[in-house]
Structures are given as structure tokens and as C-alpha cells.
Amino acid sequence: MQRKKMTLRFDLDRPEDRQAWEYLQGLNPASMNKAVLAIINRAERASRVQGMIRSIFREELAATLKQLPVQPVRAEPEGSDGMDDTIMDFLDNFM
């Protein structure tokens, strides 16, 4: 049997690290290794599933968009509603 060893460091000033440390401290030392391996494997599977779902959504969205009729976009004349001046005045407040 081939074993690999890894060391983890926790920065207890960081909330995420502290939460993980407290979780691990609540485990039975004999089962700690199994728990960490299960968490890593679960996260990896979730990442793969998430990637597959994103891929499916991307494909379906692309197929749906190809079926929609294309309508030309008309540019609105600049300054017709005074909004440009309002935006510029607002941005001037930051200078």
C-alpha cells in the first residue's frame, strides 16, 4: 500500500479556517482522515456536476437564441432626454 502525507495549516484569524478547524476538532481522530477525504471527493464531484450543468445550459441557450428572430437595434439620439447631462453631473461629484 502506498501512502501520501499532507500537512494542513489553519489561520485561526480567518473565519473560514477557524470554522474548518472547529469542525475537524469535533471529529473522532480515527475518522478524521475519512471525513477529509469524503469532503474533498464530494467537492470534486459537485464541481464536475456543476460544469456539466453549465455546459448543458450553455448549449440549450445557444440553440434557443438561434431560433429567435433577429431585430435591429436602433440607437437613441444622444441628449434627447437630458439623461447624459444628469449622468455627467453625477460623475463630476467624484472629482
PDB file of N, CA and C in Angstrom:
ATOM      1  N   MET A   1       0.854  -1.174   0.000  1.00  0.00           N
ATOM      2  CA  MET A   1       0.000   0.000   0.000  1.00  0.00           C
ATOM      3  C   MET A   1       0.901   1.240   0.000  1.00  0.00           C
ATOM      4  N   GLN A   2       0.586   2.174  -0.893  1.00  0.00           N
ATOM      5  CA  GLN A   2       1.355   3.408  -0.987  1.00  0.00           C
ATOM      6  C   GLN A   2       0.572   4.527  -0.299  1.00  0.00           C
ATOM      7  N   ARG A   3       1.206   5.237   0.608  1.00  0.00           N
ATOM      8  CA  ARG A   3       0.557   6.324   1.343  1.00  0.00           C
ATOM      9  C   ARG A   3       1.253   7.638   1.033  1.00  0.00           C
ATOM     10  N   LYS A   4       0.462   8.670   0.994  1.00  0.00           N
ATOM     11  CA  LYS A   4       0.964  10.026   0.817  1.00  0.00           C
ATOM     12  C   LYS A   4       0.554  10.825   2.046  1.00  0.00           C
ATOM     13  N   LYS A   5       1.403  11.749   2.443  1.00  0.00           N
ATOM     14  CA  LYS A   5       1.124  12.543   3.627  1.00  0.00           C
ATOM     15  C   LYS A   5       1.009  14.013   3.228  1.00  0.00           C
ATOM     16  N   MET A   6       0.087  14.721   3.868  1.00  0.00           N
ATOM     17  CA  MET A   6      -0.115  16.137   3.598  1.00  0.00           C
ATOM     18  C   MET A   6      -0.327  16.852   4.929  1.00  0.00           C
ATOM     19  N   THR A   7       0.198  18.049   5.015  1.00  0.00           N
ATOM     20  CA  THR A   7       0.030  18.855   6.220  1.00  0.00           C
ATOM     21  C   THR A   7      -0.871  20.037   5.899  1.00  0.00           C
ATOM     22  N   LEU A   8      -1.811  20.302   6.788  1.00  0.00           N
ATOM     23  CA  LEU A   8      -2.692  21.457   6.631  1.00  0.00           C
ATOM     24  C   LEU A   8      -2.357  22.487   7.695  1.00  0.00           C
ATOM     25  N   ARG A   9      -2.458  23.749   7.316  1.00  0.00           N
ATOM     26  CA  ARG A   9      -2.264  24.827   8.274  1.00  0.00           C
ATOM     27  C   ARG A   9      -3.531  25.655   8.301  1.00  0.00           C
ATOM     28  N   PHE A  10      -3.941  26.037   9.488  1.00  0.00           N
ATOM     29  CA  PHE A  10      -5.148  26.830   9.667  1.00  0.00           C
ATOM     30  C   PHE A  10      -4.776  28.175  10.269  1.00  0.00           C
ATOM     31  N   ASP A  11      -5.231  29.246   9.649  1.00  0.00           N
ATOM     32  CA  ASP A  11      -5.055  30.589  10.188  1.00  0.00           C
ATOM     33  C   ASP A  11      -6.339  30.896  10.957  1.00  0.00           C
ATOM     34  N   LEU A  12      -6.286  30.774  12.256  1.00  0.00           N
ATOM     35  CA  LEU A  12      -7.491  30.900  13.074  1.00  0.00           C
ATOM     36  C   LEU A  12      -8.026  32.322  13.130  1.00  0.00           C
ATOM     37  N   ASP A  13      -7.311  33.275  12.548  1.00  0.00           N
ATOM     38  CA  ASP A  13      -7.825  34.638  12.447  1.00  0.00           C
ATOM     39  C   ASP A  13      -8.799  34.776  11.275  1.00  0.00           C
ATOM     40  N   ARG A  14      -8.762  33.811  10.370  1.00  0.00           N
ATOM     41  CA  ARG A  14      -9.680  33.819   9.228  1.00  0.00           C
ATOM     42  C   ARG A  14     -10.890  32.963   9.564  1.00  0.00           C
ATOM     43  N   PRO A  15     -12.107  33.514   9.410  1.00  0.00           N
ATOM     44  CA  PRO A  15     -13.327  32.778   9.784  1.00  0.00           C
ATOM     45  C   PRO A  15     -13.473  31.418   9.097  1.00  0.00           C
ATOM     46  N   GLU A  16     -13.128  31.337   7.802  1.00  0.00           N
ATOM     47  CA  GLU A  16     -13.256  30.059   7.094  1.00  0.00           C
ATOM     48  C   GLU A  16     -12.316  29.011   7.673  1.00  0.00           C
ATOM     49  N   ASP A  17     -11.088  29.407   7.950  1.00  0.00           N
ATOM     50  CA  ASP A  17     -10.115  28.482   8.537  1.00  0.00           C
ATOM     51  C   ASP A  17     -10.564  28.039   9.926  1.00  0.00           C
ATOM     52  N   ARG A  18     -11.029  29.001  10.725  1.00  0.00           N
ATOM     53  CA  ARG A  18     -11.479  28.681  12.087  1.00  0.00           C
ATOM     54  C   ARG A  18     -12.649  27.692  12.057  1.00  0.00           C
ATOM     55  N   GLN A  19     -13.602  27.924  11.145  1.00  0.00           N
ATOM     56  CA  GLN A  19     -14.758  27.037  11.031  1.00  0.00           C
ATOM     57  C   GLN A  19     -14.316  25.616  10.673  1.00  0.00           C
ATOM     58  N   ALA A  20     -13.393  25.500   9.721  1.00  0.00           N
ATOM     59  CA  ALA A  20     -12.900  24.176   9.323  1.00  0.00           C
ATOM     60  C   ALA A  20     -12.163  23.505  10.487  1.00  0.00           C
ATOM     61  N   TRP A  21     -11.338  24.276  11.175  1.00  0.00           N
ATOM     62  CA  TRP A  21     -10.592  23.744  12.322  1.00  0.00           C
ATOM     63  C   TRP A  21     -11.545  23.230  13.408  1.00  0.00           C
ATOM     64  N   GLU A  22     -12.559  24.023  13.715  1.00  0.00           N
ATOM     65  CA  GLU A  22     -13.522  23.620  14.750  1.00  0.00           C
ATOM     66  C   GLU A  22     -14.285  22.366  14.334  1.00  0.00           C
ATOM     67  N   TYR A  23     -14.616  22.283  13.046  1.00  0.00           N
ATOM     68  CA  TYR A  23     -15.295  21.081  12.559  1.00  0.00           C
ATOM     69  C   TYR A  23     -14.413  19.844  12.748  1.00  0.00           C
ATOM     70  N   LEU A  24     -13.159  19.969  12.321  1.00  0.00           N
ATOM     71  CA  LEU A  24     -12.249  18.823  12.418  1.00  0.00           C
ATOM     72  C   LEU A  24     -11.982  18.436  13.874  1.00  0.00           C
ATOM     73  N   GLN A  25     -11.936  19.418  14.757  1.00  0.00           N
ATOM     74  CA  GLN A  25     -11.691  19.114  16.164  1.00  0.00           C
ATOM     75  C   GLN A  25     -12.847  18.352  16.794  1.00  0.00           C
ATOM     76  N   GLY A  26     -14.025  18.486  16.232  1.00  0.00           N
ATOM     77  CA  GLY A  26     -15.189  17.771  16.740  1.00  0.00           C
ATOM     78  C   GLY A  26     -15.269  16.331  16.265  1.00  0.00           C
ATOM     79  N   LEU A  27     -14.407  15.942  15.344  1.00  0.00           N
ATOM     80  CA  LEU A  27     -14.424  14.579  14.817  1.00  0.00           C
ATOM     81  C   LEU A  27     -13.595  13.644  15.687  1.00  0.00           C
ATOM     82  N   ASN A  28     -13.934  12.395  15.612  1.00  0.00           N
ATOM     83  CA  ASN A  28     -13.140  11.352  16.243  1.00  0.00           C
ATOM     84  C   ASN A  28     -11.819  11.275  15.465  1.00  0.00           C
ATOM     85  N   PRO A  29     -10.677  11.342  16.139  1.00  0.00           N
ATOM     86  CA  PRO A  29      -9.391  11.324  15.413  1.00  0.00           C
ATOM     87  C   PRO A  29      -9.245  10.148  14.452  1.00  0.00           C
ATOM     88  N   ALA A  30      -9.844   9.018  14.779  1.00  0.00           N
ATOM     89  CA  ALA A  30      -9.746   7.847  13.900  1.00  0.00           C
ATOM     90  C   ALA A  30     -10.505   8.056  12.593  1.00  0.00           C
ATOM     91  N   SER A  31     -11.563   8.862  12.629  1.00  0.00           N
ATOM     92  CA  SER A  31     -12.368   9.049  11.425  1.00  0.00           C
ATOM     93  C   SER A  31     -12.056  10.365  10.716  1.00  0.00           C
ATOM     94  N   MET A  32     -11.129  11.158  11.248  1.00  0.00           N
ATOM     95  CA  MET A  32     -10.820  12.465  10.667  1.00  0.00           C
ATOM     96  C   MET A  32     -10.320  12.332   9.229  1.00  0.00           C
ATOM     97  N   ASN A  33      -9.429  11.406   8.967  1.00  0.00           N
ATOM     98  CA  ASN A  33      -8.894  11.218   7.626  1.00  0.00           C
ATOM     99  C   ASN A  33     -10.004  10.854   6.642  1.00  0.00           C
ATOM    100  N   LYS A  34     -10.897   9.948   7.042  1.00  0.00           N
ATOM    101  CA  LYS A  34     -12.007   9.552   6.169  1.00  0.00           C
ATOM    102  C   LYS A  34     -12.921  10.739   5.893  1.00  0.00           C
ATOM    103  N   ALA A  35     -13.163  11.565   6.905  1.00  0.00           N
ATOM    104  CA  ALA A  35     -14.030  12.724   6.731  1.00  0.00           C
ATOM    105  C   ALA A  35     -13.424  13.719   5.752  1.00  0.00           C
ATOM    106  N   VAL A  36     -12.136  13.988   5.877  1.00  0.00           N
ATOM    107  CA  VAL A  36     -11.473  14.928   4.976  1.00  0.00           C
ATOM    108  C   VAL A  36     -11.488  14.395   3.545  1.00  0.00           C
ATOM    109  N   LEU A  37     -11.210  13.121   3.370  1.00  0.00           N
ATOM    110  CA  LEU A  37     -11.244  12.528   2.026  1.00  0.00           C
ATOM    111  C   LEU A  37     -12.647  12.598   1.431  1.00  0.00           C
ATOM    112  N   ALA A  38     -13.665  12.322   2.239  1.00  0.00           N
ATOM    113  CA  ALA A  38     -15.044  12.375   1.758  1.00  0.00           C
ATOM    114  C   ALA A  38     -15.421  13.798   1.330  1.00  0.00           C
ATOM    115  N   ILE A  39     -14.991  14.794   2.108  1.00  0.00           N
ATOM    116  CA  ILE A  39     -15.290  16.187   1.777  1.00  0.00           C
ATOM    117  C   ILE A  39     -14.618  16.586   0.469  1.00  0.00           C
ATOM    118  N   ILE A  40     -13.365  16.214   0.301  1.00  0.00           N
ATOM    119  CA  ILE A  40     -12.634  16.542  -0.930  1.00  0.00           C
ATOM    120  C   ILE A  40     -13.300  15.875  -2.131  1.00  0.00           C
ATOM    121  N   ASN A  41     -13.631  14.593  -2.007  1.00  0.00           N
ATOM    122  CA  ASN A  41     -14.250  13.876  -3.125  1.00  0.00           C
ATOM    123  C   ASN A  41     -15.628  14.431  -3.447  1.00  0.00           C
ATOM    124  N   ARG A  42     -16.398  14.800  -2.430  1.00  0.00           N
ATOM    125  CA  ARG A  42     -17.729  15.375  -2.638  1.00  0.00           C
ATOM    126  C   ARG A  42     -17.607  16.718  -3.361  1.00  0.00           C
ATOM    127  N   ALA A  43     -16.647  17.542  -2.961  1.00  0.00           N
ATOM    128  CA  ALA A  43     -16.448  18.846  -3.607  1.00  0.00           C
ATOM    129  C   ALA A  43     -16.037  18.664  -5.065  1.00  0.00           C
ATOM    130  N   GLU A  44     -15.199  17.696  -5.335  1.00  0.00           N
ATOM    131  CA  GLU A  44     -14.756  17.449  -6.705  1.00  0.00           C
ATOM    132  C   GLU A  44     -15.925  16.978  -7.569  1.00  0.00           C
ATOM    133  N   ARG A  45     -16.751  16.077  -7.034  1.00  0.00           N
ATOM    134  CA  ARG A  45     -17.931  15.608  -7.784  1.00  0.00           C
ATOM    135  C   ARG A  45     -18.898  16.754  -8.038  1.00  0.00           C
ATOM    136  N   ALA A  46     -19.118  17.587  -7.026  1.00  0.00           N
ATOM    137  CA  ALA A  46     -20.025  18.729  -7.177  1.00  0.00           C
ATOM    138  C   ALA A  46     -19.510  19.678  -8.249  1.00  0.00           C
ATOM    139  N   SER A  47     -18.207  19.871  -8.305  1.00  0.00           N
ATOM    140  CA  SER A  47     -17.609  20.744  -9.313  1.00  0.00           C
ATOM    141  C   SER A  47     -17.826  20.167 -10.712  1.00  0.00           C
ATOM    142  N   ARG A  48     -17.668  18.851 -10.856  1.00  0.00           N
ATOM    143  CA  ARG A  48     -17.894  18.215 -12.163  1.00  0.00           C
ATOM    144  C   ARG A  48     -19.349  18.337 -12.584  1.00  0.00           C
ATOM    145  N   VAL A  49     -20.268  18.098 -11.642  1.00  0.00           N
ATOM    146  CA  VAL A  49     -21.695  18.196 -11.950  1.00  0.00           C
ATOM    147  C   VAL A  49     -22.052  19.629 -12.330  1.00  0.00           C
ATOM    148  N   GLN A  50     -21.503  20.586 -11.594  1.00  0.00           N
ATOM    149  CA  GLN A  50     -21.749  21.993 -11.901  1.00  0.00           C
ATOM    150  C   GLN A  50     -21.258  22.324 -13.309  1.00  0.00           C
ATOM    151  N   GLY A  51     -20.104  21.828 -13.677  1.00  0.00           N
ATOM    152  CA  GLY A  51     -19.581  22.055 -15.023  1.00  0.00           C
ATOM    153  C   GLY A  51     -20.478  21.454 -16.092  1.00  0.00           C
ATOM    154  N   MET A  52     -20.988  20.253 -15.826  1.00  0.00           N
ATOM    155  CA  MET A  52     -21.884  19.602 -16.785  1.00  0.00           C
ATOM    156  C   MET A  52     -23.183  20.394 -16.930  1.00  0.00           C
ATOM    157  N   ILE A  53     -23.729  20.858 -15.816  1.00  0.00           N
ATOM    158  CA  ILE A  53     -24.977  21.628 -15.857  1.00  0.00           C
ATOM    159  C   ILE A  53     -24.764  22.931 -16.621  1.00  0.00           C
ATOM    160  N   ARG A  54     -23.650  23.604 -16.357  1.00  0.00           N
ATOM    161  CA  ARG A  54     -23.360  24.842 -17.082  1.00  0.00           C
ATOM    162  C   ARG A  54     -23.235  24.582 -18.579  1.00  0.00           C
ATOM    163  N   SER A  55     -22.590  23.498 -18.937  1.00  0.00           N
ATOM    164  CA  SER A  55     -22.424  23.159 -20.347  1.00  0.00           C
ATOM    165  C   SER A  55     -23.783  22.913 -21.005  1.00  0.00           C
ATOM    166  N   ILE A  56     -24.639  22.191 -20.318  1.00  0.00           N
ATOM    167  CA  ILE A  56     -25.979  21.902 -20.861  1.00  0.00           C
ATOM    168  C   ILE A  56     -26.771  23.195 -21.023  1.00  0.00           C
ATOM    169  N   PHE A  57     -26.747  24.053 -19.997  1.00  0.00           N
ATOM    170  CA  PHE A  57     -27.460  25.322 -20.095  1.00  0.00           C
ATOM    171  C   PHE A  57     -26.914  26.168 -21.245  1.00  0.00           C
ATOM    172  N   ARG A  58     -25.602  26.211 -21.392  1.00  0.00           N
ATOM    173  CA  ARG A  58     -24.974  26.998 -22.447  1.00  0.00           C
ATOM    174  C   ARG A  58     -25.427  26.485 -23.818  1.00  0.00           C
ATOM    175  N   GLU A  59     -25.423  25.167 -24.006  1.00  0.00           N
ATOM    176  CA  GLU A  59     -25.843  24.583 -25.282  1.00  0.00           C
ATOM    177  C   GLU A  59     -27.313  24.871 -25.571  1.00  0.00           C
ATOM    178  N   GLU A  60     -28.158  24.692 -24.555  1.00  0.00           N
ATOM    179  CA  GLU A  60     -29.592  24.910 -24.756  1.00  0.00           C
ATOM    180  C   GLU A  60     -29.898  26.379 -25.008  1.00  0.00           C
ATOM    181  N   LEU A  61     -29.212  27.265 -24.308  1.00  0.00           N
ATOM    182  CA  LEU A  61     -29.421  28.695 -24.515  1.00  0.00           C
ATOM    183  C   LEU A  61     -28.982  29.093 -25.919  1.00  0.00           C
ATOM    184  N   ALA A  62     -27.850  28.582 -26.362  1.00  0.00           N
ATOM    185  CA  ALA A  62     -27.371  28.888 -27.710  1.00  0.00           C
ATOM    186  C   ALA A  62     -28.364  28.392 -28.757  1.00  0.00           C
ATOM    187  N   ALA A  63     -28.890  27.192 -28.556  1.00  0.00           N
ATOM    188  CA  ALA A  63     -29.859  26.636 -29.508  1.00  0.00           C
ATOM    189  C   ALA A  63     -31.137  27.474 -29.520  1.00  0.00           C
ATOM    190  N   THR A  64     -31.571  27.923 -28.361  1.00  0.00           N
ATOM    191  CA  THR A  64     -32.782  28.739 -28.273  1.00  0.00           C
ATOM    192  C   THR A  64     -32.571  30.095 -28.935  1.00  0.00           C
ATOM    193  N   LEU A  65     -31.414  30.699 -28.688  1.00  0.00           N
ATOM    194  CA  LEU A  65     -31.135  32.012 -29.269  1.00  0.00           C
ATOM    195  C   LEU A  65     -31.051  31.950 -30.785  1.00  0.00           C
ATOM    196  N   LYS A  66     -30.592  30.822 -31.329  1.00  0.00           N
ATOM    197  CA  LYS A  66     -30.512  30.679 -32.784  1.00  0.00           C
ATOM    198  C   LYS A  66     -31.904  30.666 -33.407  1.00  0.00           C
ATOM    199  N   GLN A  67     -32.919  30.262 -32.655  1.00  0.00           N
ATOM    200  CA  GLN A  67     -34.274  30.162 -33.179  1.00  0.00           C
ATOM    201  C   GLN A  67     -35.037  31.481 -33.099  1.00  0.00           C
ATOM    202  N   LEU A  68     -34.547  32.417 -32.301  1.00  0.00           N
ATOM    203  CA  LEU A  68     -35.247  33.689 -32.145  1.00  0.00           C
ATOM    204  C   LEU A  68     -35.013  34.586 -33.348  1.00  0.00           C
ATOM    205  N   PRO A  69     -36.047  35.339 -33.737  1.00  0.00           N
ATOM    206  CA  PRO A  69     -35.848  36.278 -34.846  1.00  0.00           C
ATOM    207  C   PRO A  69     -34.942  37.429 -34.400  1.00  0.00           C
ATOM    208  N   VAL A  70     -34.127  37.894 -35.317  1.00  0.00           N
ATOM    209  CA  VAL A  70     -33.200  38.983 -35.017  1.00  0.00           C
ATOM    210  C   VAL A  70     -33.866  40.304 -35.390  1.00  0.00           C
ATOM    211  N   GLN A  71     -33.865  41.234 -34.434  1.00  0.00           N
ATOM    212  CA  GLN A  71     -34.431  42.554 -34.696  1.00  0.00           C
ATOM    213  C   GLN A  71     -33.315  43.586 -34.578  1.00  0.00           C
ATOM    214  N   PRO A  72     -33.237  44.493 -35.535  1.00  0.00           N
ATOM    215  CA  PRO A  72     -32.176  45.505 -35.459  1.00  0.00           C
ATOM    216  C   PRO A  72     -32.378  46.419 -34.249  1.00  0.00           C
ATOM    217  N   VAL A  73     -31.281  46.837 -33.685  1.00  0.00           N
ATOM    218  CA  VAL A  73     -31.319  47.737 -32.536  1.00  0.00           C
ATOM    219  C   VAL A  73     -31.156  49.151 -33.050  1.00  0.00           C
ATOM    220  N   ARG A  74     -32.059  50.016 -32.631  1.00  0.00           N
ATOM    221  CA  ARG A  74     -31.987  51.415 -33.044  1.00  0.00           C
ATOM    222  C   ARG A  74     -31.311  52.213 -31.938  1.00  0.00           C
ATOM    223  N   ALA A  75     -30.344  52.986 -32.320  1.00  0.00           N
ATOM    224  CA  ALA A  75     -29.667  53.843 -31.353  1.00  0.00           C
ATOM    225  C   ALA A  75     -30.539  55.059 -31.084  1.00  0.00           C
ATOM    226  N   GLU A  76     -30.664  55.386 -29.788  1.00  0.00           N
ATOM    227  CA  GLU A  76     -31.437  56.573 -29.433  1.00  0.00           C
ATOM    228  C   GLU A  76     -30.563  57.804 -29.623  1.00  0.00           C
ATOM    229  N   PRO A  77     -31.154  58.888 -30.068  1.00  0.00           N
ATOM    230  CA  PRO A  77     -30.370  60.112 -30.238  1.00  0.00           C
ATOM    231  C   PRO A  77     -29.809  60.573 -28.895  1.00  0.00           C
ATOM    232  N   GLU A  78     -28.561  61.005 -28.906  1.00  0.00           N
ATOM    233  CA  GLU A  78     -27.920  61.430 -27.671  1.00  0.00           C
ATOM    234  C   GLU A  78     -28.517  62.732 -27.170  1.00  0.00           C
ATOM    235  N   GLY A  79     -28.663  62.798 -25.871  1.00  0.00           N
ATOM    236  CA  GLY A  79     -29.098  64.035 -25.237  1.00  0.00           C
ATOM    237  C   GLY A  79     -30.560  64.369 -25.432  1.00  0.00           C
ATOM    238  N   SER A  80     -31.353  63.476 -25.969  1.00  0.00           N
ATOM    239  CA  SER A  80     -32.748  63.800 -26.219  1.00  0.00           C
ATOM    240  C   SER A  80     -33.571  63.849 -24.937  1.00  0.00           C
ATOM    241  N   ASP A  81     -33.143  63.136 -23.920  1.00  0.00           N
ATOM    242  CA  ASP A  81     -33.928  63.132 -22.676  1.00  0.00           C
ATOM    243  C   ASP A  81     -33.209  63.840 -21.529  1.00  0.00           C
ATOM    244  N   GLY A  82     -32.047  64.387 -21.767  1.00  0.00           N
ATOM    245  CA  GLY A  82     -31.308  65.081 -20.719  1.00  0.00           C
ATOM    246  C   GLY A  82     -30.582  64.158 -19.767  1.00  0.00           C
ATOM    247  N   MET A  83     -30.659  62.859 -20.007  1.00  0.00           N
ATOM    248  CA  MET A  83     -30.049  61.885 -19.111  1.00  0.00           C
ATOM    249  C   MET A  83     -28.527  61.984 -19.138  1.00  0.00           C
ATOM    250  N   ASP A  84     -27.955  62.296 -20.304  1.00  0.00           N
ATOM    251  CA  ASP A  84     -26.498  62.409 -20.402  1.00  0.00           C
ATOM    252  C   ASP A  84     -25.972  63.491 -19.464  1.00  0.00           C
ATOM    253  N   ASP A  85     -26.661  64.619 -19.407  1.00  0.00           N
ATOM    254  CA  ASP A  85     -26.236  65.697 -18.516  1.00  0.00           C
ATOM    255  C   ASP A  85     -26.345  65.273 -17.060  1.00  0.00           C
ATOM    256  N   THR A  86     -27.391  64.551 -16.717  1.00  0.00           N
ATOM    257  CA  THR A  86     -27.581  64.087 -15.341  1.00  0.00           C
ATOM    258  C   THR A  86     -26.476  63.135 -14.943  1.00  0.00           C
ATOM    259  N   ILE A  87     -26.130  62.229 -15.832  1.00  0.00           N
ATOM    260  CA  ILE A  87     -25.062  61.260 -15.548  1.00  0.00           C
ATOM    261  C   ILE A  87     -23.733  61.971 -15.388  1.00  0.00           C
ATOM    262  N   MET A  88     -23.443  62.910 -16.278  1.00  0.00           N
ATOM    263  CA  MET A  88     -22.175  63.627 -16.206  1.00  0.00           C
ATOM    264  C   MET A  88     -22.090  64.470 -14.929  1.00  0.00           C
ATOM    265  N   ASP A  89     -23.204  65.078 -14.542  1.00  0.00           N
ATOM    266  CA  ASP A  89     -23.212  65.848 -13.283  1.00  0.00           C
ATOM    267  C   ASP A  89     -22.937  64.934 -12.097  1.00  0.00           C
ATOM    268  N   PHE A  90     -23.528  63.756 -12.115  1.00  0.00           N
ATOM    269  CA  PHE A  90     -23.307  62.807 -11.031  1.00  0.00           C
ATOM    270  C   PHE A  90     -21.835  62.396 -10.976  1.00  0.00           C
ATOM    271  N   LEU A  91     -21.245  62.107 -12.122  1.00  0.00           N
ATOM    272  CA  LEU A  91     -19.845  61.694 -12.160  1.00  0.00           C
ATOM    273  C   LEU A  91     -18.904  62.824 -11.749  1.00  0.00           C
ATOM    274  N   ASP A  92     -19.293  64.058 -12.014  1.00  0.00           N
ATOM    275  CA  ASP A  92     -18.480  65.208 -11.607  1.00  0.00           C
ATOM    276  C   ASP A  92     -18.349  65.284 -10.086  1.00  0.00           C
ATOM    277  N   ASN A  93     -19.312  64.746  -9.361  1.00  0.00           N
ATOM    278  CA  ASN A  93     -19.259  64.755  -7.897  1.00  0.00           C
ATOM    279  C   ASN A  93     -18.069  63.966  -7.352  1.00  0.00           C
ATOM    280  N   PHE A  94     -17.526  63.062  -8.137  1.00  0.00           N
ATOM    281  CA  PHE A  94     -16.422  62.223  -7.686  1.00  0.00           C
ATOM    282  C   PHE A  94     -15.053  62.842  -7.966  1.00  0.00           C
ATOM    283  N   MET A  95     -15.034  63.963  -8.618  1.00  0.00           N
ATOM    284  CA  MET A  95     -13.756  64.597  -8.967  1.00  0.00           C
ATOM    285  C   MET A  95     -13.398  65.654  -7.965  1.00  0.00           C
TER     286      MET A  95
END
